[in-house]
């Protein structure tokens, strides 16, 4: 741990690269805690900070609400079949990604409760 906010351990680019290199050696690595920051591995976005993950979850929620509004206000008879299929595939991927991010938040919360954290 380092208290110097100007050193390499506090550099976001360096720490993301470090986590990525460790992950290459240990593919099961899912999180890294360094100098007051927590990094989580996300299959879509790569290594993200806890703040990034929270932002991504908020953005995802907004996107899902927008889609829901669009589909509830649209007359089903006017929707081309290809658009409906595409929407179903996109929703499936988003649900899987969202489930992964939410699971990461749960695991992180549990580990912080058990071991403490920044």
Protein backbone atom coordinates (compact mmCIF):
# COMPACT_ATOMS: atom_id res chain seq x y z
CA UNK A 1 0.00 0.00 0.00
CA UNK A 2 1.14 3.47 -0.75
CA UNK A 3 -0.10 6.78 0.55
CA UNK A 4 1.57 8.84 -2.17
CA UNK A 5 -1.20 9.89 -4.58
CA UNK A 6 1.38 10.68 -7.30
CA UNK A 7 3.08 7.27 -7.50
CA UNK A 8 2.52 4.48 -10.01
CA UNK A 9 0.05 2.57 -7.81
CA UNK A 10 -2.37 5.49 -8.02
CA UNK A 11 -2.12 5.76 -11.82
CA UNK A 12 -5.34 4.35 -13.28
CA UNK A 13 -3.75 3.26 -16.58
CA UNK A 14 -0.84 1.54 -14.85
CA UNK A 15 -3.03 -0.34 -12.38
CA UNK A 16 -5.44 -1.48 -15.12
CA UNK A 17 -2.47 -2.77 -17.11
CA UNK A 18 -1.10 -4.48 -14.01
CA UNK A 19 -4.42 -6.21 -13.35
CA UNK A 20 -4.60 -7.26 -16.98
CA UNK A 21 -1.10 -8.78 -16.86
CA UNK A 22 -1.91 -10.68 -13.69
CA UNK A 23 -5.12 -11.91 -15.30
CA UNK A 24 -3.11 -13.26 -18.25
CA UNK A 25 -1.15 -15.39 -15.79
CA UNK A 26 -4.21 -16.33 -13.73
CA UNK A 27 -7.40 -16.39 -15.87
CA UNK A 28 -9.60 -17.01 -12.83
CA UNK A 29 -8.55 -13.66 -11.29
CA UNK A 30 -11.68 -11.53 -10.90
CA UNK A 31 -10.70 -8.61 -8.69
CA UNK A 32 -7.61 -6.71 -7.61
CA UNK A 33 -7.36 -4.23 -4.75
CA UNK A 34 -4.53 -1.68 -4.95
CA UNK A 35 -3.81 1.53 -3.09
CA UNK A 36 -7.38 2.50 -2.35
CA UNK A 37 -8.85 1.24 -5.63
CA UNK A 38 -10.67 -1.93 -6.50
CA UNK A 39 -10.53 -3.37 -10.01
CA UNK A 40 -13.01 -5.94 -11.31
CA UNK A 41 -12.73 -8.02 -14.46
CA UNK A 42 -15.71 -7.64 -16.76
CA UNK A 43 -16.02 -9.76 -19.91
CA UNK A 44 -17.41 -6.87 -21.97
CA UNK A 45 -15.42 -3.91 -20.61
CA UNK A 46 -12.20 -5.50 -19.37
CA UNK A 47 -10.77 -4.25 -16.06
CA UNK A 48 -12.98 -1.58 -14.48
CA UNK A 49 -12.94 0.18 -11.15
CA UNK A 50 -15.75 -0.18 -8.68
CA UNK A 51 -16.92 3.33 -9.60
CA UNK A 52 -16.89 2.36 -13.30
CA UNK A 53 -18.96 -0.74 -12.56
CA UNK A 54 -21.51 1.30 -10.61
CA UNK A 55 -21.72 3.80 -13.50
CA UNK A 56 -22.14 0.98 -16.03
CA UNK A 57 -24.95 -0.53 -13.96
CA UNK A 58 -26.73 2.86 -13.78
CA UNK A 59 -26.33 3.34 -17.55
CA UNK A 60 -27.63 -0.18 -18.15
CA UNK A 61 -30.68 0.52 -16.01
CA UNK A 62 -31.37 3.70 -18.02
CA UNK A 63 -31.02 1.82 -21.31
CA UNK A 64 -33.36 -0.93 -20.15
CA UNK A 65 -35.96 1.64 -19.06
CA UNK A 66 -35.72 3.39 -22.45
CA UNK A 67 -36.20 0.10 -24.27
CA UNK A 68 -39.13 -0.81 -22.09
CA UNK A 69 -40.76 2.54 -22.82
CA UNK A 70 -40.19 2.13 -26.57
CA UNK A 71 -41.62 -1.39 -26.69
CA UNK A 72 -44.66 -0.59 -24.54
CA UNK A 73 -45.52 2.46 -26.67
CA UNK A 74 -45.00 0.74 -30.04
CA UNK A 75 -47.83 -1.04 -31.84
CA UNK A 76 -46.69 -4.67 -32.21
CA UNK A 77 -48.27 -4.89 -35.66
CA UNK A 78 -45.85 -2.23 -36.99
CA UNK A 79 -42.63 -3.87 -35.78
CA UNK A 80 -40.68 -5.78 -38.45
CA UNK A 81 -39.87 -9.37 -37.41
CA UNK A 82 -36.13 -8.79 -37.90
CA UNK A 83 -36.20 -5.84 -35.47
CA UNK A 84 -38.00 -7.97 -32.87
CA UNK A 85 -35.44 -10.79 -33.25
CA UNK A 86 -32.57 -8.35 -32.99
CA UNK A 87 -34.08 -6.81 -29.87
CA UNK A 88 -34.47 -10.24 -28.26
CA UNK A 89 -30.81 -11.11 -28.93
CA UNK A 90 -29.64 -7.75 -27.62
CA UNK A 91 -31.76 -8.11 -24.49
CA UNK A 92 -30.39 -11.61 -23.87
CA UNK A 93 -26.79 -10.33 -24.04
CA UNK A 94 -27.60 -7.36 -21.82
CA UNK A 95 -29.28 -9.57 -19.23
CA UNK A 96 -26.24 -11.88 -19.12
CA UNK A 97 -23.86 -8.93 -18.83
CA UNK A 98 -26.00 -7.26 -16.17
CA UNK A 99 -26.20 -10.47 -14.17
CA UNK A 100 -22.41 -10.76 -14.28
CA UNK A 101 -21.94 -7.15 -13.08
CA UNK A 102 -24.49 -7.57 -10.30
CA UNK A 103 -22.84 -10.82 -9.20
CA UNK A 104 -19.47 -9.06 -9.11
CA UNK A 105 -20.95 -6.36 -6.87
CA UNK A 106 -22.32 -9.03 -4.50
CA UNK A 107 -19.01 -10.91 -4.34
CA UNK A 108 -17.12 -7.66 -3.78
CA UNK A 109 -19.49 -6.53 -1.04
CA UNK A 110 -19.19 -9.88 0.71
CA UNK A 111 -15.39 -9.85 0.51
CA UNK A 112 -15.24 -6.27 1.82
CA UNK A 113 -17.43 -7.28 4.75
CA UNK A 114 -15.24 -10.27 5.46
CA UNK A 115 -11.77 -8.81 4.88
CA UNK A 116 -12.26 -5.04 5.01
CA UNK A 117 -11.26 -2.73 2.20
CA UNK A 118 -10.27 0.71 1.03
